[in-house]
């Protein structure tokens, strides 16, 4: 039996490792439910979760990432008040910090009939649609995940939302980091996503004005419901 109901949990500003552990716990819950279904308990309905949060300054390196894409040493890292984590998502290095909307969908992809590729495509579509609400044309970039502006022009291409996920047993975790009013100077210390010569931007920078995080989060949530055909309930 498929379940398109998704439980929303707003975690606020939370340490990266604490949020990672929180994700892992929910992820394991879903995997355990799926195992029971495979064992013949067909009436079991697997749950889905969507976490929204912000993180204190942190850099994360995915399974295929290279430490050489971090351009500062440990002392400089500490002086910037940032932490470094090697994590189990796909992708290379990225930055998380205040002013960035982070979403962690922990979904049973079987509930939504999604392949891993179509799941990532739909995450990108959510952000593309949100940016359209603000009059910003955003697209995908061939050969690179995430959401980009002017992707077709190498001299102007800039990423506004990074995506990195992990899936196992067709259950997802990790997700996207959408720059709203992020301090973009922190990206100067890395080669974002391991891609040379591409810049990073934010909603604030593109619009030239402040946008409330709650407003963007509400827009993201509405587009999640539309794109994924899900029904979101509050925790």
Protein backbone atom coordinates (compact mmCIF):
# COMPACT_ATOMS: atom_id res chain seq x y z
CA UNK A 1 0.00 0.00 0.00
CA UNK A 2 1.43 3.36 -1.06
CA UNK A 3 1.45 6.40 1.19
CA UNK A 4 1.82 9.96 -0.14
CA UNK A 5 1.46 11.60 3.29
CA UNK A 6 4.68 13.29 4.44
CA UNK A 7 5.32 14.42 8.01
CA UNK A 8 6.95 17.87 8.15
CA UNK A 9 9.46 18.63 10.90
CA UNK A 10 10.98 22.11 11.22
CA UNK A 11 14.24 21.72 13.11
CA UNK A 12 15.32 25.38 13.07
CA UNK A 13 19.03 26.13 13.46
CA UNK A 14 20.64 22.81 14.29
CA UNK A 15 24.19 21.45 14.38
CA UNK A 16 24.99 19.50 11.22
CA UNK A 17 25.95 16.29 13.02
CA UNK A 18 22.83 16.41 15.18
CA UNK A 19 20.65 16.77 12.08
CA UNK A 20 22.56 13.96 10.35
CA UNK A 21 21.92 11.62 13.30
CA UNK A 22 18.26 12.67 13.29
CA UNK A 23 18.01 11.80 9.60
CA UNK A 24 19.68 8.44 10.09
CA UNK A 25 17.18 7.50 12.78
CA UNK A 26 14.18 8.26 10.55
CA UNK A 27 15.87 6.58 7.59
CA UNK A 28 16.38 3.37 9.57
CA UNK A 29 12.74 3.47 10.71
CA UNK A 30 11.54 3.48 7.11
CA UNK A 31 13.97 0.74 6.07
CA UNK A 32 12.74 -1.41 8.99
CA UNK A 33 9.11 -0.91 7.90
CA UNK A 34 10.04 -1.93 4.36
CA UNK A 35 11.72 -5.08 5.64
CA UNK A 36 8.53 -6.06 7.46
CA UNK A 37 6.60 -5.57 4.21
CA UNK A 38 9.07 -7.80 2.40
CA UNK A 39 8.58 -10.39 5.14
CA UNK A 40 4.92 -10.63 4.21
CA UNK A 41 3.28 -7.96 6.36
CA UNK A 42 1.69 -6.31 3.32
CA UNK A 43 -0.68 -4.11 5.34
CA UNK A 44 2.23 -2.04 6.68
CA UNK A 45 2.37 1.54 5.41
CA UNK A 46 5.82 3.09 5.28
CA UNK A 47 6.07 6.67 6.60
CA UNK A 48 7.71 9.65 4.88
CA UNK A 49 9.37 12.69 6.44
CA UNK A 50 10.49 16.14 5.31
CA UNK A 51 12.93 18.05 7.49
CA UNK A 52 13.61 21.79 7.11
CA UNK A 53 16.51 23.41 8.93
CA UNK A 54 19.50 25.74 8.88
CA UNK A 55 23.00 24.84 10.04
CA UNK A 56 25.84 26.71 11.72
CA UNK A 57 28.85 27.06 9.42
CA UNK A 58 29.92 23.64 8.13
CA UNK A 59 31.56 22.04 5.13
CA UNK A 60 30.54 18.54 4.07
CA UNK A 61 32.33 16.19 1.70
CA UNK A 62 30.36 13.44 -0.03
CA UNK A 63 31.49 9.90 -0.80
CA UNK A 64 33.04 10.89 -4.13
CA UNK A 65 34.50 14.14 -2.80
CA UNK A 66 38.13 15.18 -2.58
CA UNK A 67 39.62 16.90 0.45
CA UNK A 68 41.76 18.90 -1.97
CA UNK A 69 38.58 20.83 -2.87
CA UNK A 70 38.74 22.38 0.60
CA UNK A 71 41.12 25.29 0.10
CA UNK A 72 41.88 26.19 3.73
CA UNK A 73 43.66 24.35 6.52
CA UNK A 74 42.28 23.27 9.88
CA UNK A 75 43.38 26.45 11.67
CA UNK A 76 41.68 28.65 9.10
CA UNK A 77 38.60 26.46 9.31
CA UNK A 78 38.40 27.04 13.06
CA UNK A 79 39.00 30.77 12.67
CA UNK A 80 35.95 30.92 10.40
CA UNK A 81 33.89 29.07 13.02
CA UNK A 82 33.24 26.18 10.64
CA UNK A 83 33.18 22.40 11.05
CA UNK A 84 34.09 19.73 8.49
CA UNK A 85 32.24 16.43 8.00
CA UNK A 86 32.80 13.52 5.67
CA UNK A 87 29.35 12.13 5.00
CA UNK A 88 27.54 9.36 3.15
CA UNK A 89 25.70 11.33 0.46
CA UNK A 90 26.68 11.55 -3.18
CA UNK A 91 28.55 14.51 -4.58
CA UNK A 92 31.64 16.44 -3.58
CA UNK A 93 32.12 19.34 -1.17
CA UNK A 94 29.60 22.00 -0.25
CA UNK A 95 28.98 24.61 2.42
CA UNK A 96 26.11 24.94 4.90
CA UNK A 97 25.42 27.97 7.01
CA UNK A 98 22.88 30.46 8.37
CA UNK A 99 20.63 31.99 5.74
CA UNK A 100 20.53 28.76 3.76
CA UNK A 101 17.34 26.70 3.59
CA UNK A 102 18.24 23.03 3.93
CA UNK A 103 15.68 20.33 3.18
CA UNK A 104 16.06 16.64 3.96
CA UNK A 105 13.30 14.54 2.37
CA UNK A 106 13.39 11.08 3.94
CA UNK A 107 11.00 9.29 1.65
CA UNK A 108 10.12 5.77 0.64
CA UNK A 109 10.55 6.36 -3.08
CA UNK A 110 8.29 3.37 -3.76
CA UNK A 111 5.46 5.43 -2.26
CA UNK A 112 5.90 7.93 -5.08
CA UNK A 113 6.86 5.59 -7.91
CA UNK A 114 10.22 7.32 -8.35
CA UNK A 115 13.57 6.18 -9.67
CA UNK A 116 16.65 7.83 -8.18
CA UNK A 117 17.11 9.97 -11.29
CA UNK A 118 13.49 11.10 -11.36
CA UNK A 119 13.68 11.85 -7.63
CA UNK A 120 16.65 14.20 -8.15
CA UNK A 121 14.92 15.75 -11.17
CA UNK A 122 11.89 16.51 -9.02
CA UNK A 123 14.00 18.06 -6.26
CA UNK A 124 15.49 20.37 -8.89
CA UNK A 125 12.02 21.10 -10.26
CA UNK A 126 10.81 22.24 -6.83
CA UNK A 127 13.52 24.91 -6.64
CA UNK A 128 13.14 25.93 -10.29
CA UNK A 129 9.44 26.58 -9.66
CA UNK A 130 10.11 28.50 -6.44
CA UNK A 131 12.59 30.77 -8.22
CA UNK A 132 10.06 31.39 -10.98
CA UNK A 133 7.76 32.83 -8.30
CA UNK A 134 10.44 35.48 -7.72
CA UNK A 135 10.87 36.21 -11.42
CA UNK A 136 14.14 34.27 -11.69
CA UNK A 137 14.70 31.86 -14.54
CA UNK A 138 16.61 28.83 -13.27
CA UNK A 139 17.53 25.59 -15.01
CA UNK A 140 19.46 22.37 -14.66
CA UNK A 141 23.03 22.15 -15.90
CA UNK A 142 23.97 19.18 -18.05
CA UNK A 143 26.30 16.85 -16.20
CA UNK A 144 25.88 18.61 -12.84
CA UNK A 145 23.16 18.27 -10.22
CA UNK A 146 21.58 21.26 -8.54
CA UNK A 147 19.83 24.39 -9.77
CA UNK A 148 21.66 27.00 -11.80
CA UNK A 149 21.23 30.47 -13.25
CA UNK A 150 22.57 31.19 -16.75
CA UNK A 151 23.68 27.57 -17.00
CA UNK A 152 24.00 27.89 -20.76
CA UNK A 153 26.64 30.64 -20.41
CA UNK A 154 29.88 29.28 -18.84
CA UNK A 155 31.08 32.82 -18.05
CA UNK A 156 27.93 33.62 -16.06
CA UNK A 157 26.78 30.23 -14.75
CA UNK A 158 26.19 30.22 -11.01
CA UNK A 159 24.62 27.72 -8.65
CA UNK A 160 21.89 28.76 -6.25
CA UNK A 161 20.94 25.34 -4.88
CA UNK A 162 23.16 22.30 -4.28
CA UNK A 163 21.74 18.78 -4.21
CA UNK A 164 23.30 15.66 -2.73
CA UNK A 165 21.38 12.55 -1.72
CA UNK A 166 21.82 9.06 -0.43
CA UNK A 167 19.41 6.23 -1.25
CA UNK A 168 19.30 2.68 0.02
CA UNK A 169 16.41 0.20 -0.20
CA UNK A 170 14.72 2.95 -2.25
CA UNK A 171 14.67 5.25 0.79
CA UNK A 172 16.17 8.74 0.45
CA UNK A 173 18.06 10.98 2.84
CA UNK A 174 20.14 14.19 2.69
CA UNK A 175 18.68 16.60 0.12
CA UNK A 176 19.29 20.19 -0.95
CA UNK A 177 20.78 23.45 0.29
CA UNK A 178 19.12 26.56 -1.15
CA UNK A 179 21.01 29.83 -0.70
CA UNK A 180 18.62 32.52 0.52
CA UNK A 181 20.67 35.14 2.41
CA UNK A 182 23.78 33.00 2.80
CA UNK A 183 27.20 34.57 3.46
CA UNK A 184 28.69 33.61 0.11
CA UNK A 185 32.25 34.38 1.24
CA UNK A 186 32.37 30.90 2.82
CA UNK A 187 32.21 29.39 -0.66
CA UNK A 188 35.54 31.06 -1.46
CA UNK A 189 37.25 28.43 0.69
CA UNK A 190 36.11 25.49 -1.44
CA UNK A 191 35.73 24.38 -5.04
CA UNK A 192 31.93 24.02 -4.78
CA UNK A 193 30.81 20.54 -5.76
CA UNK A 194 34.30 20.01 -7.16
CA UNK A 195 33.51 22.09 -10.25
CA UNK A 196 36.21 24.59 -11.20
CA UNK A 197 35.36 28.04 -12.49
CA UNK A 198 31.69 28.17 -11.50
CA UNK A 199 30.35 30.70 -9.02
CA UNK A 200 27.65 30.55 -6.37
CA UNK A 201 24.78 32.94 -5.75
CA UNK A 202 21.82 33.48 -3.43
CA UNK A 203 18.22 34.65 -3.69
CA UNK A 204 19.14 37.83 -1.79
CA UNK A 205 21.98 38.60 -4.23
CA UNK A 206 19.86 38.00 -7.31
CA UNK A 207 16.91 40.07 -6.10
CA UNK A 208 18.92 42.79 -4.40
CA UNK A 209 16.65 42.61 -1.37
CA UNK A 210 15.96 40.53 1.70
CA UNK A 211 13.46 37.69 1.56
CA UNK A 212 12.12 36.15 4.76
CA UNK A 213 13.18 32.55 5.28
CA UNK A 214 9.66 31.60 6.38
CA UNK A 215 8.26 32.94 3.11
CA UNK A 216 10.69 30.90 1.02
CA UNK A 217 10.08 27.80 3.13
CA UNK A 218 6.33 28.11 2.59
CA UNK A 219 6.86 28.44 -1.16
CA UNK A 220 9.17 25.41 -1.20
CA UNK A 221 6.62 23.41 0.75
CA UNK A 222 3.82 24.28 -1.68
CA UNK A 223 5.95 23.25 -4.65
CA UNK A 224 6.93 19.99 -2.93
CA UNK A 225 3.25 19.13 -2.62
CA UNK A 226 2.62 19.97 -6.28
CA UNK A 227 5.69 18.34 -7.84
CA UNK A 228 5.71 15.17 -5.72
CA UNK A 229 1.91 14.87 -5.43
CA UNK A 230 2.34 14.59 -1.67
CA UNK A 231 0.21 15.69 1.24
CA UNK A 232 2.22 17.33 4.02
CA UNK A 233 1.16 17.15 7.64
CA UNK A 234 2.79 18.94 10.58
CA UNK A 235 4.62 16.98 13.27
